[in-house]
N, C-alpha and C. Protein backbone atom coordinates (compact mmCIF):
# COMPACT_ATOMS: atom_id res chain seq x y z
N MET A 1 37.70 -1.23 -54.57
CA MET A 1 38.02 -1.18 -53.17
C MET A 1 39.08 -2.22 -52.86
N LEU A 2 40.11 -1.80 -52.22
CA LEU A 2 41.20 -2.70 -51.87
C LEU A 2 41.03 -3.20 -50.44
N THR A 3 41.29 -4.48 -50.27
CA THR A 3 41.27 -5.03 -48.91
C THR A 3 42.67 -5.52 -48.59
N ARG A 4 43.02 -5.36 -47.40
CA ARG A 4 44.36 -5.75 -46.96
C ARG A 4 44.34 -7.22 -46.56
N PHE A 5 45.29 -7.98 -47.01
CA PHE A 5 45.37 -9.40 -46.71
C PHE A 5 45.96 -9.59 -45.30
N ASP A 6 45.26 -10.37 -44.49
CA ASP A 6 45.74 -10.66 -43.14
C ASP A 6 45.96 -12.16 -43.03
N PRO A 7 47.22 -12.62 -43.06
CA PRO A 7 47.48 -14.06 -43.04
C PRO A 7 47.05 -14.73 -41.71
N PHE A 8 46.86 -13.97 -40.67
CA PHE A 8 46.49 -14.55 -39.37
C PHE A 8 44.98 -14.53 -39.12
N ALA A 9 44.21 -14.01 -40.03
CA ALA A 9 42.76 -13.90 -39.85
C ALA A 9 42.11 -15.25 -39.53
N PRO A 10 42.43 -16.35 -40.24
CA PRO A 10 41.79 -17.63 -39.91
C PRO A 10 42.10 -18.08 -38.48
N PHE A 11 43.30 -17.79 -38.00
CA PHE A 11 43.66 -18.19 -36.65
C PHE A 11 42.90 -17.35 -35.61
N ARG A 12 42.73 -16.07 -35.89
CA ARG A 12 41.98 -15.22 -34.97
C ARG A 12 40.53 -15.68 -34.90
N LEU A 13 39.96 -16.02 -36.05
CA LEU A 13 38.58 -16.50 -36.08
C LEU A 13 38.47 -17.80 -35.29
N PHE A 14 39.43 -18.71 -35.50
CA PHE A 14 39.43 -19.98 -34.77
C PHE A 14 39.55 -19.71 -33.27
N ASP A 15 40.46 -18.81 -32.91
CA ASP A 15 40.68 -18.50 -31.50
C ASP A 15 39.39 -17.96 -30.86
N GLU A 16 38.69 -17.07 -31.54
CA GLU A 16 37.44 -16.52 -31.02
C GLU A 16 36.39 -17.62 -30.85
N ARG A 17 36.25 -18.44 -31.87
CA ARG A 17 35.28 -19.53 -31.80
C ARG A 17 35.63 -20.49 -30.67
N PHE A 18 36.93 -20.82 -30.56
CA PHE A 18 37.39 -21.74 -29.53
C PHE A 18 37.09 -21.17 -28.14
N GLN A 19 37.36 -19.90 -27.93
CA GLN A 19 37.08 -19.27 -26.64
C GLN A 19 35.59 -19.27 -26.35
N ASN A 20 34.78 -19.01 -27.35
CA ASN A 20 33.32 -19.04 -27.15
C ASN A 20 32.84 -20.44 -26.80
N GLU A 21 33.39 -21.46 -27.48
CA GLU A 21 33.00 -22.84 -27.20
C GLU A 21 33.40 -23.23 -25.77
N ILE A 22 34.60 -22.85 -25.37
CA ILE A 22 35.07 -23.15 -24.02
C ILE A 22 34.16 -22.47 -23.00
N ALA A 23 33.82 -21.22 -23.23
CA ALA A 23 32.94 -20.49 -22.30
C ALA A 23 31.59 -21.18 -22.21
N ARG A 24 31.03 -21.61 -23.35
CA ARG A 24 29.73 -22.29 -23.34
C ARG A 24 29.83 -23.63 -22.61
N PHE A 25 30.94 -24.34 -22.82
CA PHE A 25 31.13 -25.64 -22.17
C PHE A 25 31.15 -25.47 -20.65
N PHE A 26 31.95 -24.52 -20.17
CA PHE A 26 32.04 -24.33 -18.73
C PHE A 26 30.76 -23.77 -18.15
N GLU A 27 30.06 -22.93 -18.90
CA GLU A 27 28.78 -22.42 -18.42
C GLU A 27 27.81 -23.58 -18.27
N GLY A 28 27.75 -24.44 -19.27
CA GLY A 28 26.87 -25.60 -19.20
C GLY A 28 27.28 -26.55 -18.10
N SER A 29 28.59 -26.73 -17.91
CA SER A 29 29.07 -27.62 -16.87
C SER A 29 28.70 -27.10 -15.50
N SER A 30 28.88 -25.81 -15.30
CA SER A 30 28.60 -25.27 -13.97
C SER A 30 27.12 -25.42 -13.66
N ARG A 31 26.27 -25.26 -14.65
CA ARG A 31 24.85 -25.44 -14.40
C ARG A 31 24.55 -26.89 -14.07
N ALA A 32 25.22 -27.80 -14.76
CA ALA A 32 24.95 -29.21 -14.54
C ALA A 32 25.56 -29.70 -13.23
N LEU A 33 26.69 -29.13 -12.83
CA LEU A 33 27.40 -29.63 -11.68
C LEU A 33 27.09 -28.90 -10.38
N PHE A 34 26.45 -27.76 -10.44
CA PHE A 34 26.20 -27.02 -9.21
C PHE A 34 25.17 -27.72 -8.36
N ALA A 35 25.56 -28.07 -7.19
CA ALA A 35 24.64 -28.64 -6.21
C ALA A 35 25.15 -28.18 -4.85
N PRO A 36 24.34 -27.47 -4.12
CA PRO A 36 24.82 -26.97 -2.84
C PRO A 36 25.15 -28.12 -1.89
N PRO A 37 26.25 -28.01 -1.15
CA PRO A 37 26.56 -29.06 -0.18
C PRO A 37 25.54 -29.05 0.95
N VAL A 38 25.18 -30.23 1.42
CA VAL A 38 24.16 -30.37 2.46
C VAL A 38 24.68 -31.30 3.56
N ASP A 39 24.58 -30.84 4.80
CA ASP A 39 24.87 -31.68 5.96
C ASP A 39 23.53 -32.17 6.49
N ILE A 40 23.49 -33.44 6.93
CA ILE A 40 22.26 -34.01 7.48
C ILE A 40 22.61 -34.64 8.82
N TYR A 41 21.81 -34.31 9.83
CA TYR A 41 21.99 -34.97 11.11
C TYR A 41 20.63 -35.21 11.75
N GLU A 42 20.65 -36.04 12.79
CA GLU A 42 19.42 -36.43 13.46
C GLU A 42 19.60 -36.25 14.96
N ASP A 43 18.56 -35.74 15.61
CA ASP A 43 18.53 -35.71 17.06
C ASP A 43 17.27 -36.45 17.51
N LYS A 44 16.93 -36.37 18.78
CA LYS A 44 15.76 -37.10 19.29
C LYS A 44 14.45 -36.62 18.69
N GLU A 45 14.39 -35.33 18.36
CA GLU A 45 13.14 -34.71 17.91
C GLU A 45 12.96 -34.63 16.39
N ALA A 46 14.09 -34.57 15.64
CA ALA A 46 13.95 -34.26 14.21
C ALA A 46 15.19 -34.66 13.42
N PHE A 47 15.02 -34.64 12.10
CA PHE A 47 16.14 -34.69 11.15
C PHE A 47 16.39 -33.26 10.72
N VAL A 48 17.64 -32.89 10.52
CA VAL A 48 17.98 -31.52 10.14
C VAL A 48 18.89 -31.55 8.92
N LEU A 49 18.53 -30.76 7.91
CA LEU A 49 19.37 -30.58 6.73
C LEU A 49 19.88 -29.15 6.75
N LYS A 50 21.18 -28.98 6.51
CA LYS A 50 21.77 -27.64 6.41
C LYS A 50 22.46 -27.54 5.07
N ALA A 51 21.98 -26.60 4.24
CA ALA A 51 22.51 -26.43 2.89
C ALA A 51 23.21 -25.08 2.78
N GLU A 52 24.36 -25.08 2.13
CA GLU A 52 25.08 -23.84 1.87
C GLU A 52 24.51 -23.17 0.63
N LEU A 53 23.92 -21.99 0.81
CA LEU A 53 23.33 -21.25 -0.30
C LEU A 53 23.71 -19.76 -0.16
N PRO A 54 25.00 -19.46 -0.17
CA PRO A 54 25.40 -18.06 0.02
C PRO A 54 24.89 -17.17 -1.11
N GLY A 55 24.43 -16.00 -0.70
CA GLY A 55 23.97 -15.02 -1.68
C GLY A 55 22.57 -15.24 -2.19
N MET A 56 21.89 -16.28 -1.72
CA MET A 56 20.53 -16.54 -2.18
C MET A 56 19.52 -16.05 -1.16
N ARG A 57 18.48 -15.39 -1.68
CA ARG A 57 17.38 -14.91 -0.84
C ARG A 57 16.35 -16.04 -0.66
N PRO A 58 15.61 -16.03 0.45
CA PRO A 58 14.62 -17.09 0.69
C PRO A 58 13.62 -17.26 -0.46
N GLU A 59 13.24 -16.18 -1.12
CA GLU A 59 12.27 -16.30 -2.22
C GLU A 59 12.87 -16.96 -3.47
N GLU A 60 14.17 -17.17 -3.50
CA GLU A 60 14.82 -17.84 -4.64
C GLU A 60 14.97 -19.34 -4.41
N ILE A 61 14.52 -19.80 -3.26
CA ILE A 61 14.66 -21.21 -2.87
C ILE A 61 13.28 -21.84 -2.80
N GLN A 62 13.16 -23.04 -3.36
CA GLN A 62 11.88 -23.75 -3.33
C GLN A 62 12.08 -25.10 -2.66
N ILE A 63 11.20 -25.42 -1.72
CA ILE A 63 11.24 -26.71 -1.02
C ILE A 63 9.87 -27.35 -1.18
N ASP A 64 9.85 -28.57 -1.69
CA ASP A 64 8.61 -29.32 -1.88
C ASP A 64 8.75 -30.69 -1.25
N VAL A 65 7.64 -31.24 -0.78
CA VAL A 65 7.59 -32.62 -0.29
C VAL A 65 6.48 -33.32 -1.01
N SER A 66 6.81 -34.45 -1.62
CA SER A 66 5.82 -35.24 -2.34
C SER A 66 6.24 -36.70 -2.34
N ASN A 67 5.32 -37.59 -2.01
CA ASN A 67 5.57 -39.04 -2.03
C ASN A 67 6.82 -39.43 -1.25
N GLY A 68 7.02 -38.81 -0.10
CA GLY A 68 8.15 -39.17 0.75
C GLY A 68 9.49 -38.65 0.29
N VAL A 69 9.49 -37.69 -0.62
CA VAL A 69 10.74 -37.11 -1.12
C VAL A 69 10.72 -35.60 -0.92
N LEU A 70 11.76 -35.08 -0.27
CA LEU A 70 11.91 -33.64 -0.10
C LEU A 70 12.80 -33.14 -1.23
N THR A 71 12.33 -32.14 -1.96
CA THR A 71 13.08 -31.58 -3.08
C THR A 71 13.46 -30.14 -2.74
N LEU A 72 14.74 -29.86 -2.87
CA LEU A 72 15.28 -28.52 -2.66
C LEU A 72 15.78 -28.04 -4.01
N LYS A 73 15.25 -26.90 -4.48
CA LYS A 73 15.70 -26.40 -5.77
C LYS A 73 15.70 -24.89 -5.80
N GLY A 74 16.42 -24.37 -6.77
CA GLY A 74 16.53 -22.94 -6.95
C GLY A 74 17.52 -22.64 -8.05
N GLU A 75 17.89 -21.39 -8.15
CA GLU A 75 18.88 -20.99 -9.15
C GLU A 75 19.69 -19.83 -8.60
N ARG A 76 21.00 -20.00 -8.59
CA ARG A 76 21.88 -18.91 -8.20
C ARG A 76 22.37 -18.27 -9.48
N LYS A 77 22.05 -16.99 -9.64
CA LYS A 77 22.37 -16.29 -10.89
C LYS A 77 23.69 -15.56 -10.76
N LEU A 78 24.39 -15.48 -11.87
CA LEU A 78 25.66 -14.77 -11.93
C LEU A 78 25.39 -13.29 -11.75
N GLU A 79 26.02 -12.72 -10.74
CA GLU A 79 25.86 -11.30 -10.48
C GLU A 79 26.91 -10.55 -11.28
N HIS A 80 26.46 -9.65 -12.10
CA HIS A 80 27.42 -8.79 -12.80
C HIS A 80 26.74 -7.51 -13.19
N GLU A 81 27.53 -6.49 -13.25
CA GLU A 81 27.04 -5.20 -13.71
C GLU A 81 27.79 -4.89 -14.99
N ASP A 82 27.14 -4.18 -15.89
CA ASP A 82 27.77 -3.88 -17.17
C ASP A 82 29.08 -3.12 -17.02
N ASN A 83 29.22 -2.36 -15.94
CA ASN A 83 30.44 -1.60 -15.77
C ASN A 83 31.54 -2.39 -15.06
N LYS A 84 31.29 -3.65 -14.74
CA LYS A 84 32.30 -4.48 -14.09
C LYS A 84 32.80 -5.55 -15.06
N ASP A 85 33.47 -5.15 -16.08
CA ASP A 85 33.98 -6.11 -17.06
C ASP A 85 35.36 -6.61 -16.70
N GLY A 86 35.85 -6.30 -15.52
CA GLY A 86 37.21 -6.63 -15.15
C GLY A 86 37.39 -8.02 -14.56
N TYR A 87 36.39 -8.91 -14.71
CA TYR A 87 36.56 -10.25 -14.18
C TYR A 87 37.68 -10.96 -14.92
N HIS A 88 38.56 -11.59 -14.16
CA HIS A 88 39.61 -12.40 -14.75
C HIS A 88 39.35 -13.87 -14.53
N ARG A 89 38.61 -14.17 -13.47
CA ARG A 89 38.35 -15.56 -13.14
C ARG A 89 37.09 -15.62 -12.29
N ILE A 90 36.23 -16.57 -12.59
CA ILE A 90 35.02 -16.77 -11.80
C ILE A 90 35.04 -18.21 -11.32
N GLU A 91 35.15 -18.40 -10.00
CA GLU A 91 35.24 -19.74 -9.45
C GLU A 91 33.95 -20.18 -8.74
N ARG A 92 33.11 -19.24 -8.39
CA ARG A 92 31.87 -19.62 -7.72
C ARG A 92 30.92 -20.23 -8.75
N TRP A 93 30.14 -21.22 -8.31
CA TRP A 93 29.22 -21.92 -9.19
C TRP A 93 27.90 -21.18 -9.29
N TYR A 94 27.34 -21.18 -10.47
CA TYR A 94 26.06 -20.53 -10.72
C TYR A 94 25.19 -21.46 -11.52
N GLY A 95 23.90 -21.24 -11.44
CA GLY A 95 22.97 -21.99 -12.26
C GLY A 95 21.88 -22.62 -11.42
N ALA A 96 21.03 -23.36 -12.10
CA ALA A 96 19.92 -24.04 -11.46
C ALA A 96 20.43 -25.28 -10.74
N PHE A 97 19.79 -25.61 -9.64
CA PHE A 97 20.16 -26.82 -8.92
C PHE A 97 18.90 -27.49 -8.40
N GLN A 98 19.04 -28.77 -8.13
CA GLN A 98 17.96 -29.53 -7.51
C GLN A 98 18.58 -30.67 -6.73
N ARG A 99 18.23 -30.78 -5.46
CA ARG A 99 18.67 -31.89 -4.62
C ARG A 99 17.42 -32.57 -4.09
N GLN A 100 17.44 -33.89 -4.03
CA GLN A 100 16.28 -34.63 -3.52
C GLN A 100 16.73 -35.56 -2.41
N PHE A 101 15.87 -35.68 -1.38
CA PHE A 101 16.17 -36.49 -0.22
C PHE A 101 14.95 -37.36 0.11
N THR A 102 15.17 -38.66 0.20
CA THR A 102 14.09 -39.57 0.55
C THR A 102 13.89 -39.50 2.06
N LEU A 103 12.67 -39.25 2.47
CA LEU A 103 12.36 -39.11 3.89
C LEU A 103 11.91 -40.45 4.47
N PRO A 104 12.29 -40.72 5.70
CA PRO A 104 11.78 -41.94 6.33
C PRO A 104 10.29 -41.76 6.66
N ARG A 105 9.59 -42.86 6.84
CA ARG A 105 8.16 -42.80 7.14
C ARG A 105 7.89 -42.21 8.52
N SER A 106 8.92 -42.12 9.33
CA SER A 106 8.75 -41.67 10.71
C SER A 106 8.70 -40.16 10.87
N VAL A 107 8.66 -39.39 9.77
CA VAL A 107 8.67 -37.93 9.89
C VAL A 107 7.27 -37.34 9.75
N ASP A 108 7.11 -36.15 10.32
CA ASP A 108 5.85 -35.42 10.28
C ASP A 108 5.99 -34.33 9.20
N VAL A 109 5.62 -34.65 7.97
CA VAL A 109 5.81 -33.72 6.85
C VAL A 109 4.97 -32.46 6.97
N GLU A 110 3.91 -32.51 7.78
CA GLU A 110 3.03 -31.34 7.94
C GLU A 110 3.68 -30.23 8.76
N HIS A 111 4.75 -30.54 9.48
CA HIS A 111 5.37 -29.55 10.37
C HIS A 111 6.83 -29.27 10.03
N ILE A 112 7.22 -29.46 8.79
CA ILE A 112 8.59 -29.14 8.37
C ILE A 112 8.76 -27.62 8.38
N GLU A 113 9.90 -27.17 8.88
CA GLU A 113 10.21 -25.75 8.93
C GLU A 113 11.53 -25.49 8.21
N ALA A 114 11.64 -24.31 7.60
CA ALA A 114 12.88 -23.93 6.91
C ALA A 114 13.22 -22.49 7.27
N HIS A 115 14.49 -22.26 7.56
CA HIS A 115 14.98 -20.92 7.90
C HIS A 115 16.30 -20.70 7.19
N SER A 116 16.52 -19.46 6.78
CA SER A 116 17.78 -19.11 6.11
C SER A 116 18.45 -17.98 6.88
N LYS A 117 19.74 -18.17 7.18
CA LYS A 117 20.51 -17.14 7.89
C LYS A 117 21.98 -17.27 7.50
N ASP A 118 22.56 -16.15 7.14
CA ASP A 118 23.99 -16.09 6.81
C ASP A 118 24.40 -17.10 5.72
N GLY A 119 23.53 -17.31 4.74
CA GLY A 119 23.86 -18.20 3.63
C GLY A 119 23.67 -19.68 3.92
N ILE A 120 23.12 -20.00 5.09
CA ILE A 120 22.86 -21.40 5.45
C ILE A 120 21.35 -21.59 5.56
N LEU A 121 20.83 -22.52 4.77
CA LEU A 121 19.43 -22.89 4.83
C LEU A 121 19.31 -24.09 5.77
N THR A 122 18.48 -23.97 6.79
CA THR A 122 18.26 -25.06 7.74
C THR A 122 16.83 -25.55 7.59
N ILE A 123 16.70 -26.83 7.29
CA ILE A 123 15.39 -27.46 7.16
C ILE A 123 15.25 -28.45 8.32
N ARG A 124 14.25 -28.22 9.15
CA ARG A 124 14.00 -29.09 10.30
C ARG A 124 12.79 -29.96 9.99
N ILE A 125 12.99 -31.27 10.03
CA ILE A 125 11.96 -32.24 9.69
C ILE A 125 11.63 -33.03 10.96
N PRO A 126 10.55 -32.66 11.66
CA PRO A 126 10.26 -33.32 12.94
C PRO A 126 9.82 -34.78 12.76
N LYS A 127 10.13 -35.55 13.79
CA LYS A 127 9.70 -36.95 13.81
C LYS A 127 8.27 -37.01 14.35
N LYS A 128 7.55 -38.03 13.93
CA LYS A 128 6.21 -38.25 14.49
C LYS A 128 6.36 -38.65 15.95
N ASP A 129 5.39 -38.28 16.76
CA ASP A 129 5.45 -38.56 18.19
C ASP A 129 5.66 -40.04 18.49
N GLU A 130 4.98 -40.90 17.76
CA GLU A 130 5.05 -42.33 18.06
C GLU A 130 6.42 -42.93 17.75
N THR A 131 7.26 -42.23 16.99
CA THR A 131 8.57 -42.78 16.66
C THR A 131 9.70 -42.19 17.49
N LYS A 132 9.38 -41.22 18.34
CA LYS A 132 10.42 -40.60 19.16
C LYS A 132 10.93 -41.54 20.24
N GLY A 133 10.09 -42.45 20.64
CA GLY A 133 10.49 -43.40 21.67
C GLY A 133 10.34 -42.83 23.08
N HIS A 134 10.16 -43.69 24.00
CA HIS A 134 10.08 -43.27 25.41
C HIS A 134 10.45 -44.45 26.29
N ARG A 135 10.83 -44.13 27.50
CA ARG A 135 11.28 -45.15 28.44
C ARG A 135 10.08 -45.67 29.21
N ILE A 136 10.06 -46.96 29.44
CA ILE A 136 8.99 -47.59 30.20
C ILE A 136 9.56 -48.00 31.54
N ALA A 137 8.95 -47.52 32.59
CA ALA A 137 9.40 -47.87 33.94
C ALA A 137 8.99 -49.29 34.28
N VAL A 138 9.87 -50.00 34.93
CA VAL A 138 9.58 -51.35 35.35
C VAL A 138 9.13 -51.29 36.80
N LYS A 139 7.96 -51.83 37.07
CA LYS A 139 7.40 -51.81 38.43
C LYS A 139 7.62 -53.17 39.09
N SER A 140 7.79 -53.13 40.35
CA SER A 140 7.97 -54.40 41.07
C SER A 140 6.61 -54.99 41.44
N GLY A 141 6.55 -56.28 41.51
CA GLY A 141 5.35 -56.94 41.99
C GLY A 141 4.43 -57.36 40.99
């Protein structure tokens, strides 16, 4: 049996391996670097966290509170169909994420609420009544 000599075969093999290594590196990086951006603000009644989680369903998001730390975690999976091999570039981040936030002692962890709408997760962390503050009237006499 005769085989045809291909002088470029080692380069093609290297190129394939190199492309696979690059793909694995970026896949690993995106998993390690993906963290949804979160805005945090405070009003008189509560602290509010707003996280960008486009394309994620509420059942794919987990929120836990333990020892004064609120943990937000989940995984955004790469959406693809076998018949859509025409991707040229993927810029959106995918993979598992976890964000943790230390809560002040002044919050009521028993009444935390979370809602998701239009790709924005809103977590409302109410303050305890005794820390909301109130005005004391000064009486004469």
